[in-house]
Amino acid sequence: MRHLSTLTTDDLEEIIYQSVVLKYQVVSEDPKEQGLRKILNFGHTLGHAIESLCTISPRKKRLLHGEAVAIGMILAAYISHKVLQFPWDKVEEIKTTLFRIFSSRELHLTRERSHTAATQV
């Protein structure tokens, strides 16, 4: 996987195009969000809560929407590990990948902080 900063405009246009095509296919197959479409929400519910907290709390650093969703994805994976025995190596893979993508903005979410946040959700 290449770092986002190395992608060209053409690369980004192709990624965006493929993302839109995939989202269209998923929404077309499940227009009422009864099953498959829920995959598009991974991390969003927790991400919106984190984003809202950072918006209203003067002591919290404001986050971009994508950063909040990325943290939500890590927390969702961690909660899935605790509740559903989702494999820990997959939690680590998700966390490592997202840290790599967002490294320029420095998402500081260690395992201990993930645990603390997850137990308060």
PDB file of N, CA and C in Angstrom:
ATOM      1  N   MET A   1       0.845  -1.177   0.000  1.00  0.00           N
ATOM      2  CA  MET A   1       0.000   0.000   0.000  1.00  0.00           C
ATOM      3  C   MET A   1       0.888   1.236   0.000  1.00  0.00           C
ATOM      4  N   ARG A   2       0.574   2.167  -0.885  1.00  0.00           N
ATOM      5  CA  ARG A   2       1.349   3.403  -0.964  1.00  0.00           C
ATOM      6  C   ARG A   2       0.785   4.434   0.010  1.00  0.00           C
ATOM      7  N   HIS A   3       1.652   5.293   0.495  1.00  0.00           N
ATOM      8  CA  HIS A   3       1.203   6.373   1.371  1.00  0.00           C
ATOM      9  C   HIS A   3       0.380   7.353   0.544  1.00  0.00           C
ATOM     10  N   LEU A   4      -0.648   7.902   1.144  1.00  0.00           N
ATOM     11  CA  LEU A   4      -1.539   8.820   0.421  1.00  0.00           C
ATOM     12  C   LEU A   4      -0.792   9.987  -0.212  1.00  0.00           C
ATOM     13  N   SER A   5       0.265  10.449   0.432  1.00  0.00           N
ATOM     14  CA  SER A   5       0.995  11.605  -0.088  1.00  0.00           C
ATOM     15  C   SER A   5       1.707  11.299  -1.401  1.00  0.00           C
ATOM     16  N   THR A   6       1.877  10.018  -1.747  1.00  0.00           N
ATOM     17  CA  THR A   6       2.559   9.663  -2.994  1.00  0.00           C
ATOM     18  C   THR A   6       1.593   9.458  -4.151  1.00  0.00           C
ATOM     19  N   LEU A   7       0.298   9.537  -3.888  1.00  0.00           N
ATOM     20  CA  LEU A   7      -0.683   9.311  -4.941  1.00  0.00           C
ATOM     21  C   LEU A   7      -0.813  10.534  -5.841  1.00  0.00           C
ATOM     22  N   THR A   8      -0.980  10.269  -7.114  1.00  0.00           N
ATOM     23  CA  THR A   8      -1.182  11.355  -8.073  1.00  0.00           C
ATOM     24  C   THR A   8      -2.676  11.683  -8.147  1.00  0.00           C
ATOM     25  N   THR A   9      -2.991  12.766  -8.826  1.00  0.00           N
ATOM     26  CA  THR A   9      -4.391  13.136  -9.043  1.00  0.00           C
ATOM     27  C   THR A   9      -5.113  12.031  -9.805  1.00  0.00           C
ATOM     28  N   ASP A  10      -4.429  11.434 -10.784  1.00  0.00           N
ATOM     29  CA  ASP A  10      -5.033  10.324 -11.532  1.00  0.00           C
ATOM     30  C   ASP A  10      -5.318   9.138 -10.613  1.00  0.00           C
ATOM     31  N   ASP A  11      -4.371   8.836  -9.712  1.00  0.00           N
ATOM     32  CA  ASP A  11      -4.586   7.746  -8.747  1.00  0.00           C
ATOM     33  C   ASP A  11      -5.821   8.029  -7.901  1.00  0.00           C
ATOM     34  N   LEU A  12      -5.914   9.246  -7.383  1.00  0.00           N
ATOM     35  CA  LEU A  12      -7.032   9.616  -6.518  1.00  0.00           C
ATOM     36  C   LEU A  12      -8.350   9.581  -7.276  1.00  0.00           C
ATOM     37  N   GLU A  13      -8.346  10.046  -8.517  1.00  0.00           N
ATOM     38  CA  GLU A  13      -9.565   9.996  -9.317  1.00  0.00           C
ATOM     39  C   GLU A  13     -10.023   8.547  -9.507  1.00  0.00           C
ATOM     40  N   GLU A  14      -9.089   7.640  -9.760  1.00  0.00           N
ATOM     41  CA  GLU A  14      -9.438   6.226  -9.944  1.00  0.00           C
ATOM     42  C   GLU A  14      -9.966   5.623  -8.641  1.00  0.00           C
ATOM     43  N   ILE A  15      -9.334   5.943  -7.513  1.00  0.00           N
ATOM     44  CA  ILE A  15      -9.784   5.433  -6.211  1.00  0.00           C
ATOM     45  C   ILE A  15     -11.190   5.943  -5.907  1.00  0.00           C
ATOM     46  N   ILE A  16     -11.424   7.217  -6.148  1.00  0.00           N
ATOM     47  CA  ILE A  16     -12.747   7.799  -5.904  1.00  0.00           C
ATOM     48  C   ILE A  16     -13.778   7.163  -6.831  1.00  0.00           C
ATOM     49  N   TYR A  17     -13.424   7.001  -8.095  1.00  0.00           N
ATOM     50  CA  TYR A  17     -14.350   6.382  -9.047  1.00  0.00           C
ATOM     51  C   TYR A  17     -14.713   4.963  -8.603  1.00  0.00           C
ATOM     52  N   GLN A  18     -13.717   4.157  -8.265  1.00  0.00           N
ATOM     53  CA  GLN A  18     -13.968   2.776  -7.838  1.00  0.00           C
ATOM     54  C   GLN A  18     -14.796   2.750  -6.550  1.00  0.00           C
ATOM     55  N   SER A  19     -14.556   3.692  -5.642  1.00  0.00           N
ATOM     56  CA  SER A  19     -15.333   3.771  -4.404  1.00  0.00           C
ATOM     57  C   SER A  19     -16.799   4.083  -4.686  1.00  0.00           C
ATOM     58  N   VAL A  20     -17.033   5.015  -5.599  1.00  0.00           N
ATOM     59  CA  VAL A  20     -18.409   5.373  -5.956  1.00  0.00           C
ATOM     60  C   VAL A  20     -19.106   4.195  -6.621  1.00  0.00           C
ATOM     61  N   VAL A  21     -18.417   3.498  -7.517  1.00  0.00           N
ATOM     62  CA  VAL A  21     -18.993   2.327  -8.184  1.00  0.00           C
ATOM     63  C   VAL A  21     -19.359   1.264  -7.152  1.00  0.00           C
ATOM     64  N   LEU A  22     -18.445   0.988  -6.227  1.00  0.00           N
ATOM     65  CA  LEU A  22     -18.700  -0.016  -5.193  1.00  0.00           C
ATOM     66  C   LEU A  22     -19.879   0.394  -4.317  1.00  0.00           C
ATOM     67  N   LYS A  23     -19.901   1.654  -3.884  1.00  0.00           N
ATOM     68  CA  LYS A  23     -21.005   2.116  -3.043  1.00  0.00           C
ATOM     69  C   LYS A  23     -22.332   2.021  -3.801  1.00  0.00           C
ATOM     70  N   TYR A  24     -22.340   2.386  -5.065  1.00  0.00           N
ATOM     71  CA  TYR A  24     -23.552   2.293  -5.879  1.00  0.00           C
ATOM     72  C   TYR A  24     -24.045   0.849  -5.956  1.00  0.00           C
ATOM     73  N   GLN A  25     -23.103  -0.089  -6.177  1.00  0.00           N
ATOM     74  CA  GLN A  25     -23.476  -1.497  -6.262  1.00  0.00           C
ATOM     75  C   GLN A  25     -24.085  -1.990  -4.942  1.00  0.00           C
ATOM     76  N   VAL A  26     -23.466  -1.618  -3.829  1.00  0.00           N
ATOM     77  CA  VAL A  26     -23.952  -2.056  -2.518  1.00  0.00           C
ATOM     78  C   VAL A  26     -25.332  -1.461  -2.237  1.00  0.00           C
ATOM     79  N   VAL A  27     -25.482  -0.160  -2.469  1.00  0.00           N
ATOM     80  CA  VAL A  27     -26.770   0.503  -2.201  1.00  0.00           C
ATOM     81  C   VAL A  27     -27.858  -0.032  -3.132  1.00  0.00           C
ATOM     82  N   SER A  28     -27.508  -0.306  -4.386  1.00  0.00           N
ATOM     83  CA  SER A  28     -28.489  -0.869  -5.333  1.00  0.00           C
ATOM     84  C   SER A  28     -28.953  -2.247  -4.892  1.00  0.00           C
ATOM     85  N   GLU A  29     -28.029  -3.036  -4.355  1.00  0.00           N
ATOM     86  CA  GLU A  29     -28.376  -4.390  -3.923  1.00  0.00           C
ATOM     87  C   GLU A  29     -29.158  -4.393  -2.608  1.00  0.00           C
ATOM     88  N   ASP A  30     -28.951  -3.376  -1.772  1.00  0.00           N
ATOM     89  CA  ASP A  30     -29.601  -3.328  -0.455  1.00  0.00           C
ATOM     90  C   ASP A  30     -30.095  -1.901  -0.172  1.00  0.00           C
ATOM     91  N   PRO A  31     -31.107  -1.427  -0.918  1.00  0.00           N
ATOM     92  CA  PRO A  31     -31.539  -0.031  -0.789  1.00  0.00           C
ATOM     93  C   PRO A  31     -32.142   0.333   0.567  1.00  0.00           C
ATOM     94  N   LYS A  32     -32.626  -0.639   1.327  1.00  0.00           N
ATOM     95  CA  LYS A  32     -33.254  -0.345   2.619  1.00  0.00           C
ATOM     96  C   LYS A  32     -32.362  -0.699   3.811  1.00  0.00           C
ATOM     97  N   GLU A  33     -31.082  -0.931   3.541  1.00  0.00           N
ATOM     98  CA  GLU A  33     -30.085  -1.234   4.583  1.00  0.00           C
ATOM     99  C   GLU A  33     -30.528  -2.384   5.481  1.00  0.00           C
ATOM    100  N   GLN A  34     -30.847  -3.505   4.860  1.00  0.00           N
ATOM    101  CA  GLN A  34     -31.282  -4.693   5.588  1.00  0.00           C
ATOM    102  C   GLN A  34     -30.147  -5.678   5.841  1.00  0.00           C
ATOM    103  N   GLY A  35     -29.013  -5.484   5.216  1.00  0.00           N
ATOM    104  CA  GLY A  35     -27.917  -6.440   5.392  1.00  0.00           C
ATOM    105  C   GLY A  35     -26.604  -5.911   4.846  1.00  0.00           C
ATOM    106  N   LEU A  36     -26.348  -6.194   3.559  1.00  0.00           N
ATOM    107  CA  LEU A  36     -25.065  -5.872   2.942  1.00  0.00           C
ATOM    108  C   LEU A  36     -24.683  -4.403   3.089  1.00  0.00           C
ATOM    109  N   ARG A  37     -25.631  -3.516   2.957  1.00  0.00           N
ATOM    110  CA  ARG A  37     -25.339  -2.080   2.985  1.00  0.00           C
ATOM    111  C   ARG A  37     -24.704  -1.636   4.308  1.00  0.00           C
ATOM    112  N   LYS A  38     -24.918  -2.395   5.352  1.00  0.00           N
ATOM    113  CA  LYS A  38     -24.351  -2.046   6.648  1.00  0.00           C
ATOM    114  C   LYS A  38     -22.826  -2.031   6.625  1.00  0.00           C
ATOM    115  N   ILE A  39     -22.213  -2.711   5.634  1.00  0.00           N
ATOM    116  CA  ILE A  39     -20.743  -2.697   5.548  1.00  0.00           C
ATOM    117  C   ILE A  39     -20.217  -1.294   5.285  1.00  0.00           C
ATOM    118  N   LEU A  40     -21.057  -0.438   4.723  1.00  0.00           N
ATOM    119  CA  LEU A  40     -20.631   0.935   4.448  1.00  0.00           C
ATOM    120  C   LEU A  40     -20.556   1.773   5.723  1.00  0.00           C
ATOM    121  N   ASN A  41     -21.093   1.273   6.830  1.00  0.00           N
ATOM    122  CA  ASN A  41     -21.155   2.029   8.076  1.00  0.00           C
ATOM    123  C   ASN A  41     -20.034   1.712   9.062  1.00  0.00           C
ATOM    124  N   PHE A  42     -19.132   0.803   8.727  1.00  0.00           N
ATOM    125  CA  PHE A  42     -18.085   0.376   9.646  1.00  0.00           C
ATOM    126  C   PHE A  42     -17.351   1.589  10.215  1.00  0.00           C
ATOM    127  N   GLY A  43     -17.470   1.784  11.524  1.00  0.00           N
ATOM    128  CA  GLY A  43     -16.795   2.885  12.211  1.00  0.00           C
ATOM    129  C   GLY A  43     -17.561   4.191  12.258  1.00  0.00           C
ATOM    130  N   HIS A  44     -18.621   4.316  11.460  1.00  0.00           N
ATOM    131  CA  HIS A  44     -19.319   5.598  11.386  1.00  0.00           C
ATOM    132  C   HIS A  44     -20.066   5.971  12.661  1.00  0.00           C
ATOM    133  N   THR A  45     -20.751   5.041  13.275  1.00  0.00           N
ATOM    134  CA  THR A  45     -21.534   5.376  14.465  1.00  0.00           C
ATOM    135  C   THR A  45     -20.616   5.872  15.576  1.00  0.00           C
ATOM    136  N   LEU A  46     -19.579   5.113  15.874  1.00  0.00           N
ATOM    137  CA  LEU A  46     -18.623   5.550  16.897  1.00  0.00           C
ATOM    138  C   LEU A  46     -17.884   6.794  16.433  1.00  0.00           C
ATOM    139  N   GLY A  47     -17.561   6.847  15.154  1.00  0.00           N
ATOM    140  CA  GLY A  47     -16.855   8.010  14.606  1.00  0.00           C
ATOM    141  C   GLY A  47     -17.646   9.293  14.764  1.00  0.00           C
ATOM    142  N   HIS A  48     -18.950   9.229  14.506  1.00  0.00           N
ATOM    143  CA  HIS A  48     -19.788  10.425  14.672  1.00  0.00           C
ATOM    144  C   HIS A  48     -19.850  10.852  16.137  1.00  0.00           C
ATOM    145  N   ALA A  49     -19.897   9.890  17.036  1.00  0.00           N
ATOM    146  CA  ALA A  49     -19.903  10.230  18.467  1.00  0.00           C
ATOM    147  C   ALA A  49     -18.586  10.922  18.851  1.00  0.00           C
ATOM    148  N   ILE A  50     -17.479  10.394  18.377  1.00  0.00           N
ATOM    149  CA  ILE A  50     -16.166  10.984  18.673  1.00  0.00           C
ATOM    150  C   ILE A  50     -16.060  12.364  18.051  1.00  0.00           C
ATOM    151  N   GLU A  51     -16.502  12.489  16.816  1.00  0.00           N
ATOM    152  CA  GLU A  51     -16.475  13.769  16.113  1.00  0.00           C
ATOM    153  C   GLU A  51     -17.306  14.817  16.857  1.00  0.00           C
ATOM    154  N   SER A  52     -18.488  14.426  17.323  1.00  0.00           N
ATOM    155  CA  SER A  52     -19.350  15.344  18.070  1.00  0.00           C
ATOM    156  C   SER A  52     -18.697  15.778  19.374  1.00  0.00           C
ATOM    157  N   LEU A  53     -18.112  14.826  20.091  1.00  0.00           N
ATOM    158  CA  LEU A  53     -17.437  15.143  21.336  1.00  0.00           C
ATOM    159  C   LEU A  53     -16.323  16.150  21.104  1.00  0.00           C
ATOM    160  N   CYS A  54     -15.540  15.938  20.056  1.00  0.00           N
ATOM    161  CA  CYS A  54     -14.418  16.840  19.767  1.00  0.00           C
ATOM    162  C   CYS A  54     -14.893  18.210  19.298  1.00  0.00           C
ATOM    163  N   THR A  55     -16.090  18.278  18.757  1.00  0.00           N
ATOM    164  CA  THR A  55     -16.640  19.554  18.305  1.00  0.00           C
ATOM    165  C   THR A  55     -17.155  20.386  19.472  1.00  0.00           C
ATOM    166  N   ILE A  56     -17.787  19.729  20.450  1.00  0.00           N
ATOM    167  CA  ILE A  56     -18.411  20.496  21.543  1.00  0.00           C
ATOM    168  C   ILE A  56     -17.495  20.689  22.747  1.00  0.00           C
ATOM    169  N   SER A  57     -16.433  19.915  22.847  1.00  0.00           N
ATOM    170  CA  SER A  57     -15.552  20.017  24.011  1.00  0.00           C
ATOM    171  C   SER A  57     -14.359  20.909  23.699  1.00  0.00           C
ATOM    172  N   PRO A  58     -14.214  22.017  24.428  1.00  0.00           N
ATOM    173  CA  PRO A  58     -13.093  22.930  24.148  1.00  0.00           C
ATOM    174  C   PRO A  58     -11.734  22.306  24.471  1.00  0.00           C
ATOM    175  N   ARG A  59     -11.707  21.241  25.269  1.00  0.00           N
ATOM    176  CA  ARG A  59     -10.435  20.609  25.635  1.00  0.00           C
ATOM    177  C   ARG A  59      -9.989  19.556  24.620  1.00  0.00           C
ATOM    178  N   LYS A  60     -10.848  19.208  23.673  1.00  0.00           N
ATOM    179  CA  LYS A  60     -10.538  18.166  22.698  1.00  0.00           C
ATOM    180  C   LYS A  60     -10.067  18.782  21.387  1.00  0.00           C
ATOM    181  N   LYS A  61      -9.105  18.114  20.755  1.00  0.00           N
ATOM    182  CA  LYS A  61      -8.626  18.537  19.447  1.00  0.00           C
ATOM    183  C   LYS A  61      -9.693  18.224  18.404  1.00  0.00           C
ATOM    184  N   ARG A  62      -9.985  19.170  17.540  1.00  0.00           N
ATOM    185  CA  ARG A  62     -10.962  18.923  16.472  1.00  0.00           C
ATOM    186  C   ARG A  62     -10.397  17.901  15.506  1.00  0.00           C
ATOM    187  N   LEU A  63     -11.246  17.012  15.060  1.00  0.00           N
ATOM    188  CA  LEU A  63     -10.851  15.976  14.126  1.00  0.00           C
ATOM    189  C   LEU A  63     -11.564  16.161  12.798  1.00  0.00           C
ATOM    190  N   LEU A  64     -10.901  15.771  11.735  1.00  0.00           N
ATOM    191  CA  LEU A  64     -11.572  15.680  10.453  1.00  0.00           C
ATOM    192  C   LEU A  64     -12.546  14.499  10.522  1.00  0.00           C
ATOM    193  N   HIS A  65     -13.576  14.514   9.693  1.00  0.00           N
ATOM    194  CA  HIS A  65     -14.566  13.437   9.687  1.00  0.00           C
ATOM    195  C   HIS A  65     -13.886  12.077   9.477  1.00  0.00           C
ATOM    196  N   GLY A  66     -12.989  12.012   8.519  1.00  0.00           N
ATOM    197  CA  GLY A  66     -12.299  10.752   8.231  1.00  0.00           C
ATOM    198  C   GLY A  66     -11.468  10.259   9.397  1.00  0.00           C
ATOM    199  N   GLU A  67     -10.858  11.178  10.135  1.00  0.00           N
ATOM    200  CA  GLU A  67     -10.079  10.794  11.313  1.00  0.00           C
ATOM    201  C   GLU A  67     -10.990  10.193  12.382  1.00  0.00           C
ATOM    202  N   ALA A  68     -12.128  10.835  12.596  1.00  0.00           N
ATOM    203  CA  ALA A  68     -13.069  10.333  13.602  1.00  0.00           C
ATOM    204  C   ALA A  68     -13.595   8.962  13.201  1.00  0.00           C
ATOM    205  N   VAL A  69     -13.900   8.767  11.927  1.00  0.00           N
ATOM    206  CA  VAL A  69     -14.386   7.465  11.463  1.00  0.00           C
ATOM    207  C   VAL A  69     -13.275   6.422  11.589  1.00  0.00           C
ATOM    208  N   ALA A  70     -12.031   6.803  11.294  1.00  0.00           N
ATOM    209  CA  ALA A  70     -10.912   5.863  11.443  1.00  0.00           C
ATOM    210  C   ALA A  70     -10.792   5.401  12.892  1.00  0.00           C
ATOM    211  N   ILE A  71     -10.897   6.326  13.823  1.00  0.00           N
ATOM    212  CA  ILE A  71     -10.857   5.952  15.244  1.00  0.00           C
ATOM    213  C   ILE A  71     -12.053   5.066  15.573  1.00  0.00           C
ATOM    214  N   GLY A  72     -13.219   5.406  15.005  1.00  0.00           N
ATOM    215  CA  GLY A  72     -14.406   4.579  15.197  1.00  0.00           C
ATOM    216  C   GLY A  72     -14.214   3.168  14.662  1.00  0.00           C
ATOM    217  N   MET A  73     -13.513   3.024  13.554  1.00  0.00           N
ATOM    218  CA  MET A  73     -13.232   1.704  12.988  1.00  0.00           C
ATOM    219  C   MET A  73     -12.340   0.893  13.923  1.00  0.00           C
ATOM    220  N   ILE A  74     -11.343   1.546  14.490  1.00  0.00           N
ATOM    221  CA  ILE A  74     -10.449   0.861  15.425  1.00  0.00           C
ATOM    222  C   ILE A  74     -11.227   0.434  16.664  1.00  0.00           C
ATOM    223  N   LEU A  75     -12.050   1.322  17.185  1.00  0.00           N
ATOM    224  CA  LEU A  75     -12.855   0.983  18.365  1.00  0.00           C
ATOM    225  C   LEU A  75     -13.859  -0.129  18.062  1.00  0.00           C
ATOM    226  N   ALA A  76     -14.492  -0.072  16.890  1.00  0.00           N
ATOM    227  CA  ALA A  76     -15.449  -1.118  16.515  1.00  0.00           C
ATOM    228  C   ALA A  76     -14.746  -2.475  16.421  1.00  0.00           C
ATOM    229  N   ALA A  77     -13.553  -2.482  15.877  1.00  0.00           N
ATOM    230  CA  ALA A  77     -12.792  -3.733  15.787  1.00  0.00           C
ATOM    231  C   ALA A  77     -12.439  -4.235  17.187  1.00  0.00           C
ATOM    232  N   TYR A  78     -12.027  -3.302  18.066  1.00  0.00           N
ATOM    233  CA  TYR A  78     -11.673  -3.686  19.434  1.00  0.00           C
ATOM    234  C   TYR A  78     -12.891  -4.243  20.183  1.00  0.00           C
ATOM    235  N   ILE A  79     -14.018  -3.575  20.068  1.00  0.00           N
ATOM    236  CA  ILE A  79     -15.245  -4.052  20.719  1.00  0.00           C
ATOM    237  C   ILE A  79     -15.628  -5.416  20.149  1.00  0.00           C
ATOM    238  N   SER A  80     -15.490  -5.588  18.840  1.00  0.00           N
ATOM    239  CA  SER A  80     -15.794  -6.883  18.225  1.00  0.00           C
ATOM    240  C   SER A  80     -14.876  -7.973  18.756  1.00  0.00           C
ATOM    241  N   HIS A  81     -13.639  -7.619  19.038  1.00  0.00           N
ATOM    242  CA  HIS A  81     -12.711  -8.588  19.636  1.00  0.00           C
ATOM    243  C   HIS A  81     -13.189  -8.986  21.033  1.00  0.00           C
ATOM    244  N   LYS A  82     -13.549  -7.998  21.832  1.00  0.00           N
ATOM    245  CA  LYS A  82     -13.966  -8.264  23.210  1.00  0.00           C
ATOM    246  C   LYS A  82     -15.300  -9.010  23.284  1.00  0.00           C
ATOM    247  N   VAL A  83     -16.249  -8.636  22.450  1.00  0.00           N
ATOM    248  CA  VAL A  83     -17.597  -9.191  22.544  1.00  0.00           C
ATOM    249  C   VAL A  83     -17.773 -10.448  21.689  1.00  0.00           C
ATOM    250  N   LEU A  84     -17.171 -10.454  20.500  1.00  0.00           N
ATOM    251  CA  LEU A  84     -17.416 -11.529  19.539  1.00  0.00           C
ATOM    252  C   LEU A  84     -16.179 -12.364  19.223  1.00  0.00           C
ATOM    253  N   GLN A  85     -15.096 -12.119  19.944  1.00  0.00           N
ATOM    254  CA  GLN A  85     -13.841 -12.833  19.714  1.00  0.00           C
ATOM    255  C   GLN A  85     -13.298 -12.619  18.298  1.00  0.00           C
ATOM    256  N   PHE A  86     -13.534 -11.430  17.740  1.00  0.00           N
ATOM    257  CA  PHE A  86     -12.915 -11.074  16.466  1.00  0.00           C
ATOM    258  C   PHE A  86     -11.414 -11.204  16.651  1.00  0.00           C
ATOM    259  N   PRO A  87     -10.696 -11.809  15.709  1.00  0.00           N
ATOM    260  CA  PRO A  87      -9.270 -12.087  15.912  1.00  0.00           C
ATOM    261  C   PRO A  87      -8.448 -10.832  16.197  1.00  0.00           C
ATOM    262  N   TRP A  88      -7.618 -10.903  17.252  1.00  0.00           N
ATOM    263  CA  TRP A  88      -6.802  -9.756  17.647  1.00  0.00           C
ATOM    264  C   TRP A  88      -5.854  -9.346  16.532  1.00  0.00           C
ATOM    265  N   ASP A  89      -5.331 -10.299  15.767  1.00  0.00           N
ATOM    266  CA  ASP A  89      -4.415  -9.932  14.684  1.00  0.00           C
ATOM    267  C   ASP A  89      -5.118  -9.071  13.635  1.00  0.00           C
ATOM    268  N   LYS A  90      -6.423  -9.265  13.455  1.00  0.00           N
ATOM    269  CA  LYS A  90      -7.184  -8.433  12.514  1.00  0.00           C
ATOM    270  C   LYS A  90      -7.407  -7.032  13.090  1.00  0.00           C
ATOM    271  N   VAL A  91      -7.626  -6.948  14.403  1.00  0.00           N
ATOM    272  CA  VAL A  91      -7.740  -5.636  15.060  1.00  0.00           C
ATOM    273  C   VAL A  91      -6.446  -4.869  14.836  1.00  0.00           C
ATOM    274  N   GLU A  92      -5.323  -5.521  15.074  1.00  0.00           N
ATOM    275  CA  GLU A  92      -4.011  -4.886  14.888  1.00  0.00           C
ATOM    276  C   GLU A  92      -3.790  -4.488  13.432  1.00  0.00           C
ATOM    277  N   GLU A  93      -4.229  -5.329  12.501  1.00  0.00           N
ATOM    278  CA  GLU A  93      -4.077  -5.020  11.074  1.00  0.00           C
ATOM    279  C   GLU A  93      -4.875  -3.768  10.704  1.00  0.00           C
ATOM    280  N   ILE A  94      -6.102  -3.687  11.200  1.00  0.00           N
ATOM    281  CA  ILE A  94      -6.939  -2.510  10.944  1.00  0.00           C
ATOM    282  C   ILE A  94      -6.275  -1.276  11.535  1.00  0.00           C
ATOM    283  N   LYS A  95      -5.836  -1.372  12.776  1.00  0.00           N
ATOM    284  CA  LYS A  95      -5.203  -0.229  13.448  1.00  0.00           C
ATOM    285  C   LYS A  95      -3.935   0.206  12.712  1.00  0.00           C
ATOM    286  N   THR A  96      -3.089  -0.748  12.364  1.00  0.00           N
ATOM    287  CA  THR A  96      -1.831  -0.429  11.690  1.00  0.00           C
ATOM    288  C   THR A  96      -2.081   0.224  10.336  1.00  0.00           C
ATOM    289  N   THR A  97      -3.029  -0.304   9.592  1.00  0.00           N
ATOM    290  CA  THR A  97      -3.350   0.263   8.274  1.00  0.00           C
ATOM    291  C   THR A  97      -3.850   1.687   8.409  1.00  0.00           C
ATOM    292  N   LEU A  98      -4.756   1.917   9.350  1.00  0.00           N
ATOM    293  CA  LEU A  98      -5.299   3.268   9.522  1.00  0.00           C
ATOM    294  C   LEU A  98      -4.243   4.231  10.047  1.00  0.00           C
ATOM    295  N   PHE A  99      -3.385   3.777  10.943  1.00  0.00           N
ATOM    296  CA  PHE A  99      -2.294   4.640  11.420  1.00  0.00           C
ATOM    297  C   PHE A  99      -1.383   5.018  10.260  1.00  0.00           C
ATOM    298  N   ARG A 100      -1.130   4.071   9.359  1.00  0.00           N
ATOM    299  CA  ARG A 100      -0.278   4.348   8.213  1.00  0.00           C
ATOM    300  C   ARG A 100      -0.923   5.403   7.314  1.00  0.00           C
ATOM    301  N   ILE A 101      -2.222   5.280   7.085  1.00  0.00           N
ATOM    302  CA  ILE A 101      -2.935   6.221   6.221  1.00  0.00           C
ATOM    303  C   ILE A 101      -2.983   7.608   6.851  1.00  0.00           C
ATOM    304  N   PHE A 102      -3.245   7.673   8.156  1.00  0.00           N
ATOM    305  CA  PHE A 102      -3.424   8.945   8.827  1.00  0.00           C
ATOM    306  C   PHE A 102      -2.176   9.405   9.566  1.00  0.00           C
ATOM    307  N   SER A 103      -1.018   8.867   9.219  1.00  0.00           N
ATOM    308  CA  SER A 103       0.196   9.184   9.968  1.00  0.00           C
ATOM    309  C   SER A 103       0.533  10.666   9.963  1.00  0.00           C
ATOM    310  N   SER A 104       0.171  11.376   8.902  1.00  0.00           N
ATOM    311  CA  SER A 104       0.508  12.794   8.850  1.00  0.00           C
ATOM    312  C   SER A 104      -0.282  13.609   9.869  1.00  0.00           C
ATOM    313  N   ARG A 105      -1.435  13.112  10.300  1.00  0.00           N
ATOM    314  CA  ARG A 105      -2.241  13.833  11.290  1.00  0.00           C
ATOM    315  C   ARG A 105      -2.094  13.225  12.687  1.00  0.00           C
ATOM    316  N   GLU A 106      -1.327  12.151  12.775  1.00  0.00           N
ATOM    317  CA  GLU A 106      -0.994  11.530  14.056  1.00  0.00           C
ATOM    318  C   GLU A 106      -2.216  11.142  14.895  1.00  0.00           C
ATOM    319  N   LEU A 107      -2.824  10.044  14.536  1.00  0.00           N
ATOM    320  CA  LEU A 107      -3.885   9.487  15.373  1.00  0.00           C
ATOM    321  C   LEU A 107      -3.209   8.787  16.545  1.00  0.00           C
ATOM    322  N   HIS A 108      -3.380   9.301  17.725  1.00  0.00           N
ATOM    323  CA  HIS A 108      -2.775   8.698  18.909  1.00  0.00           C
ATOM    324  C   HIS A 108      -3.839   7.887  19.635  1.00  0.00           C
ATOM    325  N   LEU A 109      -3.932   6.620  19.293  1.00  0.00           N
ATOM    326  CA  LEU A 109      -4.914   5.756  19.929  1.00  0.00           C
ATOM    327  C   LEU A 109      -4.231   4.431  20.227  1.00  0.00           C
ATOM    328  N   THR A 110      -3.682   4.322  21.395  1.00  0.00           N
ATOM    329  CA  THR A 110      -2.978   3.113  21.776  1.00  0.00           C
ATOM    330  C   THR A 110      -3.974   2.040  22.194  1.00  0.00           C
ATOM    331  N   ARG A 111      -3.488   0.828  22.414  1.00  0.00           N
ATOM    332  CA  ARG A 111      -4.356  -0.269  22.841  1.00  0.00           C
ATOM    333  C   ARG A 111      -5.043   0.080  24.153  1.00  0.00           C
ATOM    334  N   GLU A 112      -4.302   0.690  25.080  1.00  0.00           N
ATOM    335  CA  GLU A 112      -4.890   1.041  26.371  1.00  0.00           C
ATOM    336  C   GLU A 112      -5.977   2.104  26.211  1.00  0.00           C
ATOM    337  N   ARG A 113      -5.726   3.105  25.394  1.00  0.00           N
ATOM    338  CA  ARG A 113      -6.724   4.147  25.187  1.00  0.00           C
ATOM    339  C   ARG A 113      -7.922   3.584  24.436  1.00  0.00           C
ATOM    340  N   SER A 114      -7.672   2.647  23.514  1.00  0.00           N
ATOM    341  CA  SER A 114      -8.783   1.997  22.810  1.00  0.00           C
ATOM    342  C   SER A 114      -9.662   1.269  23.811  1.00  0.00           C
ATOM    343  N   HIS A 115      -9.016   0.559  24.741  1.00  0.00           N
ATOM    344  CA  HIS A 115      -9.759  -0.193  25.750  1.00  0.00           C
ATOM    345  C   HIS A 115     -10.584   0.757  26.622  1.00  0.00           C
ATOM    346  N   THR A 116      -9.972   1.842  27.066  1.00  0.00           N
ATOM    347  CA  THR A 116     -10.668   2.808  27.907  1.00  0.00           C
ATOM    348  C   THR A 116     -11.865   3.380  27.172  1.00  0.00           C
ATOM    349  N   ALA A 117     -11.657   3.781  25.936  1.00  0.00           N
ATOM    350  CA  ALA A 117     -12.751   4.366  25.138  1.00  0.00           C
ATOM    351  C   ALA A 117     -13.842   3.329  24.898  1.00  0.00           C
ATOM    352  N   ALA A 118     -13.444   2.104  24.575  1.00  0.00           N
ATOM    353  CA  ALA A 118     -14.436   1.067  24.265  1.00  0.00           C
ATOM    354  C   ALA A 118     -15.275   0.706  25.465  1.00  0.00           C
ATOM    355  N   THR A 119     -14.692   0.724  26.646  1.00  0.00           N
ATOM    356  CA  THR A 119     -15.444   0.351  27.835  1.00  0.00           C
ATOM    357  C   THR A 119     -16.374   1.478  28.275  1.00  0.00           C
ATOM    358  N   GLN A 120     -16.157   2.688  27.767  1.00  0.00           N
ATOM    359  CA  GLN A 120     -17.023   3.802  28.115  1.00  0.00           C
ATOM    360  C   GLN A 120     -18.134   3.988  27.101  1.00  0.00           C
ATOM    361  N   VAL A 121     -18.098   3.242  25.995  1.00  0.00           N
ATOM    362  CA  VAL A 121     -19.126   3.361  24.961  1.00  0.00           C
ATOM    363  C   VAL A 121     -20.363   2.600  25.370  1.00  0.00           C
TER     364      VAL A 121
END
